[in-house]
Amino acid sequence: MKFNKYIVIYLSFLLSFQSLAADDPFEDYNRKIWAFNEFLDDNFAKPTAEVYTSIAPNFVEIAISNFFRNLNELDNTANQLLQGKPLLAVNDFSRFLINTTIGLGGFIDVGSSFGLERHDEDFGQTLGAWGVGSGPFLMLPLYGPSTPRGLAGRSVSSVLSGTFAIEETDVRIGITALDALETRARYLEVETLIIGDRYSFIRDSYMQYQEFESSNGENQSDDFVDDMDDFLLD
């Protein structure tokens, strides 16, 4: 199958970077991209997110967040299966069905009130569960922090997400833009945690969080990572 061929290519690509995973070999390049991203964020993304949070009622922000998280339940379900967790896959797919129907398209999180726990899985985490190393830290234009494993995972997860099936290009672009706005608005709160050199803080916390997620927190205990996990899921 063509899908399997792409998986082999991804794995080969990622394995070639594993020896570089312990440091930041592209720091000079990454810092230049970081400065470019910071300029765009300071002048466009952050002000827009601040306006959004100031004018949108709290229930509207919650509803939009629920909508996009509901779309990701399909990605969650597929990756739970790939990681050998069928019961969690049933949990996540049940959340999608319940929230899409009773929850009015996902704007209301009915699944949580039924005791169905929310998870956050993607193909990058699946690769980590399969033993693929993250590779070196990368700062990407517009997208931000990532790794080779994260890039591979994001490309596959984009196919598994609910927005991939939208055929109308303008609608898909509009939903993607709203998703980016909602995500940036949520990160307004976590900015208060950043101390010292912003680039180093983002790099270290991102790599630590990714390691925590790929191992499902096994044999790891870190208050900061726990706080970030709660923030990203709540």
Protein backbone atom coordinates (compact mmCIF):
# COMPACT_ATOMS: atom_id res chain seq x y z
CA MET A 1 0.00 0.00 0.00
CA LYS A 2 1.16 3.55 -0.70
CA PHE A 3 0.47 4.53 2.92
CA ASN A 4 2.87 1.82 4.16
CA LYS A 5 5.55 3.03 1.75
CA TYR A 6 5.30 6.53 3.20
CA ILE A 7 5.58 5.14 6.73
CA VAL A 8 8.86 3.39 5.80
CA ILE A 9 10.19 6.62 4.29
CA TYR A 10 9.25 8.55 7.44
CA LEU A 11 10.90 6.00 9.73
CA SER A 12 14.10 5.99 7.66
CA PHE A 13 14.19 9.78 7.70
CA LEU A 14 13.70 9.96 11.45
CA LEU A 15 16.24 7.27 12.34
CA SER A 16 18.96 9.19 10.49
CA PHE A 17 18.55 12.06 12.98
CA GLN A 18 18.46 10.14 16.24
CA SER A 19 22.17 10.65 17.03
CA LEU A 20 21.56 14.42 17.10
CA ALA A 21 18.60 14.33 19.47
CA ALA A 22 20.51 15.21 22.66
CA ASP A 23 21.41 18.77 21.64
CA ASP A 24 20.48 21.65 19.37
CA PRO A 25 22.85 21.35 16.39
CA PHE A 26 20.90 23.88 14.34
CA GLU A 27 20.68 26.54 17.06
CA ASP A 28 22.02 29.39 14.92
CA TYR A 29 19.46 28.67 12.21
CA ASN A 30 16.72 28.02 14.75
CA ARG A 31 17.31 31.34 16.51
CA LYS A 32 17.01 33.23 13.21
CA ILE A 33 13.69 31.53 12.50
CA TRP A 34 12.66 32.18 16.11
CA ALA A 35 13.31 35.92 15.66
CA PHE A 36 11.24 35.91 12.45
CA ASN A 37 8.38 34.09 14.17
CA GLU A 38 8.53 36.43 17.16
CA PHE A 39 8.24 39.45 14.85
CA LEU A 40 5.13 38.00 13.18
CA ASP A 41 3.66 36.98 16.51
CA ASP A 42 4.26 40.34 18.20
CA ASN A 43 2.80 42.29 15.29
CA PHE A 44 0.01 40.05 14.04
CA ALA A 45 -0.86 36.80 15.80
CA LYS A 46 -0.70 37.92 19.42
CA PRO A 47 -2.63 41.21 18.97
CA THR A 48 -5.32 39.35 17.01
CA ALA A 49 -5.59 36.71 19.73
CA GLU A 50 -5.84 39.40 22.40
CA VAL A 51 -8.68 41.11 20.52
CA TYR A 52 -10.40 37.73 20.11
CA THR A 53 -10.23 36.95 23.84
CA SER A 54 -11.37 40.46 24.77
CA ILE A 55 -14.52 40.47 22.64
CA ALA A 56 -15.53 36.79 22.57
CA PRO A 57 -17.63 35.65 25.54
CA ASN A 58 -16.08 32.86 27.57
CA PHE A 59 -18.71 30.34 26.48
CA VAL A 60 -17.92 31.09 22.82
CA GLU A 61 -14.20 30.46 23.37
CA ILE A 62 -14.98 27.18 25.14
CA ALA A 63 -17.35 26.11 22.37
CA ILE A 64 -14.78 26.81 19.63
CA SER A 65 -12.09 24.95 21.59
CA ASN A 66 -14.45 22.00 21.99
CA PHE A 67 -15.21 22.02 18.26
CA PHE A 68 -11.57 21.68 17.20
CA ARG A 69 -10.77 19.15 19.89
CA ASN A 70 -13.70 17.09 18.69
CA LEU A 71 -12.28 17.07 15.15
CA ASN A 72 -9.04 15.71 16.61
CA GLU A 73 -10.85 12.74 18.17
CA LEU A 74 -10.55 10.90 14.85
CA ASP A 75 -6.78 11.37 14.96
CA ASN A 76 -6.79 10.31 18.61
CA THR A 77 -8.76 7.16 17.80
CA ALA A 78 -6.48 6.07 14.95
CA ASN A 79 -3.33 6.60 16.99
CA GLN A 80 -4.71 4.79 20.03
CA LEU A 81 -5.21 1.77 17.75
CA LEU A 82 -1.72 2.12 16.27
CA GLN A 83 -0.30 2.20 19.79
CA GLY A 84 -2.19 -0.97 20.72
CA LYS A 85 -4.78 0.68 22.98
CA PRO A 86 -8.17 -0.50 21.68
CA LEU A 87 -10.11 0.49 24.82
CA LEU A 88 -8.82 4.06 24.63
CA ALA A 89 -9.64 4.08 20.90
CA VAL A 90 -13.23 3.13 21.76
CA ASN A 91 -13.26 5.90 24.38
CA ASP A 92 -12.07 8.54 21.92
CA PHE A 93 -14.33 7.44 19.06
CA SER A 94 -17.29 7.38 21.45
CA ARG A 95 -16.44 10.95 22.43
CA PHE A 96 -16.49 11.92 18.75
CA LEU A 97 -19.87 10.29 18.12
CA ILE A 98 -21.49 11.71 21.25
CA ASN A 99 -20.09 15.23 20.92
CA THR A 100 -20.83 15.41 17.19
CA THR A 101 -24.47 14.42 17.71
CA ILE A 102 -25.68 15.31 21.19
CA GLY A 103 -22.98 17.96 21.51
CA LEU A 104 -24.21 19.87 18.44
CA GLY A 105 -21.28 19.28 16.13
CA GLY A 106 -18.73 19.17 18.93
CA PHE A 107 -19.34 22.64 20.35
CA ILE A 108 -20.49 21.07 23.63
CA ASP A 109 -18.30 18.50 25.37
CA VAL A 110 -21.01 16.03 26.38
CA GLY A 111 -18.56 13.13 26.37
CA SER A 112 -16.71 14.36 29.45
CA SER A 113 -19.96 14.55 31.41
CA PHE A 114 -20.48 10.89 30.49
CA GLY A 115 -17.13 10.02 32.06
CA LEU A 116 -15.23 9.69 28.77
CA GLU A 117 -11.75 11.11 29.36
CA ARG A 118 -10.21 13.45 26.81
CA HIS A 119 -6.85 12.48 25.33
CA ASP A 120 -4.39 14.13 22.97
CA GLU A 121 -2.67 11.72 20.59
CA ASP A 122 -0.98 12.20 17.24
CA PHE A 123 1.21 10.16 14.93
CA GLY A 124 4.35 11.76 16.34
CA GLN A 125 3.49 10.24 19.72
CA THR A 126 2.79 6.94 17.99
CA LEU A 127 6.25 7.00 16.43
CA GLY A 128 7.68 7.68 19.88
CA ALA A 129 5.74 4.73 21.29
CA TRP A 130 7.25 2.60 18.51
CA GLY A 131 10.73 3.58 19.69
CA VAL A 132 11.54 6.24 17.09
CA GLY A 133 13.65 9.04 18.54
CA SER A 134 12.52 12.64 18.25
CA GLY A 135 15.62 13.88 16.44
CA PRO A 136 17.05 17.38 16.96
CA PHE A 137 15.02 20.43 17.88
CA LEU A 138 13.78 22.44 14.90
CA MET A 139 12.26 25.91 14.79
CA LEU A 140 10.06 26.19 11.72
CA PRO A 141 8.79 29.35 10.01
CA LEU A 142 5.22 30.16 11.14
CA TYR A 143 4.67 26.70 12.66
CA GLY A 144 7.16 27.08 15.52
CA PRO A 145 8.92 24.37 17.57
CA SER A 146 9.12 20.86 16.20
CA THR A 147 11.39 17.87 15.54
CA PRO A 148 11.82 15.55 12.54
CA ARG A 149 9.55 13.05 14.30
CA GLY A 150 7.03 15.78 14.98
CA LEU A 151 7.05 16.84 11.31
CA ALA A 152 6.45 13.28 10.15
CA GLY A 153 3.73 12.82 12.74
CA ARG A 154 2.00 16.07 11.83
CA SER A 155 1.85 15.20 8.13
CA VAL A 156 0.16 11.87 8.86
CA SER A 157 -2.13 13.31 11.53
CA SER A 158 -3.28 16.00 9.12
CA VAL A 159 -4.71 13.22 6.95
CA LEU A 160 -6.39 11.63 9.97
CA SER A 161 -7.93 14.88 11.21
CA GLY A 162 -11.53 15.85 10.53
CA THR A 163 -10.60 18.88 8.40
CA PHE A 164 -8.90 16.75 5.73
CA ALA A 165 -12.28 15.57 4.42
CA ILE A 166 -13.49 19.13 3.74
CA GLU A 167 -13.45 19.53 -0.05
CA GLU A 168 -14.14 23.28 -0.28
CA THR A 169 -10.73 24.98 -0.16
CA ASP A 170 -11.99 28.30 1.18
CA VAL A 171 -13.88 26.58 3.99
CA ARG A 172 -10.86 24.46 4.91
CA ILE A 173 -8.61 27.55 4.94
CA GLY A 174 -11.11 29.44 7.09
CA ILE A 175 -11.37 26.61 9.62
CA THR A 176 -7.58 26.26 9.72
CA ALA A 177 -7.18 30.00 10.36
CA LEU A 178 -9.77 29.90 13.15
CA ASP A 179 -8.01 26.88 14.65
CA ALA A 180 -4.71 28.79 14.65
CA LEU A 181 -6.38 31.80 16.27
CA GLU A 182 -7.99 29.66 18.98
CA THR A 183 -4.67 27.93 19.69
CA ARG A 184 -2.78 31.23 19.94
CA ALA A 185 -5.43 32.60 22.29
CA ARG A 186 -4.98 29.62 24.63
CA TYR A 187 -1.23 30.17 24.71
CA LEU A 188 -1.71 33.72 25.99
CA GLU A 189 -2.16 32.22 29.46
CA VAL A 190 0.95 30.04 29.43
CA GLU A 191 3.28 32.89 28.41
CA THR A 192 3.53 33.94 32.05
CA LEU A 193 5.50 30.73 32.72
CA ILE A 194 8.34 31.74 30.39
CA ILE A 195 11.48 32.92 32.24
CA GLY A 196 15.01 33.75 31.13
CA ASP A 197 15.99 33.33 27.49
CA ARG A 198 12.69 32.75 25.68
CA TYR A 199 14.17 30.60 22.92
CA SER A 200 15.96 28.26 25.33
CA PHE A 201 12.90 28.02 27.56
CA ILE A 202 10.60 27.13 24.65
CA ARG A 203 13.10 24.62 23.26
CA ASP A 204 13.71 22.83 26.55
CA SER A 205 10.06 22.76 27.64
CA TYR A 206 8.92 21.59 24.19
CA MET A 207 11.44 18.73 24.06
CA GLN A 208 10.60 17.72 27.63
CA TYR A 209 6.88 17.77 26.93
CA GLN A 210 7.28 15.73 23.74
CA GLU A 211 9.30 13.11 25.59
CA PHE A 212 6.66 12.98 28.31
CA GLU A 213 3.87 12.55 25.76
CA SER A 214 5.63 9.90 23.67
CA SER A 215 6.22 7.78 26.78
CA ASN A 216 2.73 8.50 28.18
CA GLY A 217 4.40 9.84 31.32
CA GLU A 218 5.76 6.41 32.32
CA ASN A 219 8.59 6.55 34.84
CA GLN A 220 8.58 10.34 34.67
CA SER A 221 7.43 12.92 37.16
CA ASP A 222 7.67 16.62 36.46
CA ASP A 223 5.40 19.32 37.86
CA PHE A 224 5.95 21.65 34.88
CA VAL A 225 5.11 18.94 32.35
CA ASP A 226 2.04 17.99 34.38
CA ASP A 227 0.92 21.63 34.41
CA MET A 228 1.45 21.92 30.64
CA ASP A 229 -0.47 18.70 30.05
CA ASP A 230 -3.40 19.98 32.11
CA PHE A 231 -3.33 23.32 30.29
CA LEU A 232 -3.26 21.82 26.81
CA LEU A 233 -6.08 19.38 27.53
CA ASP A 234 -8.35 21.61 29.64
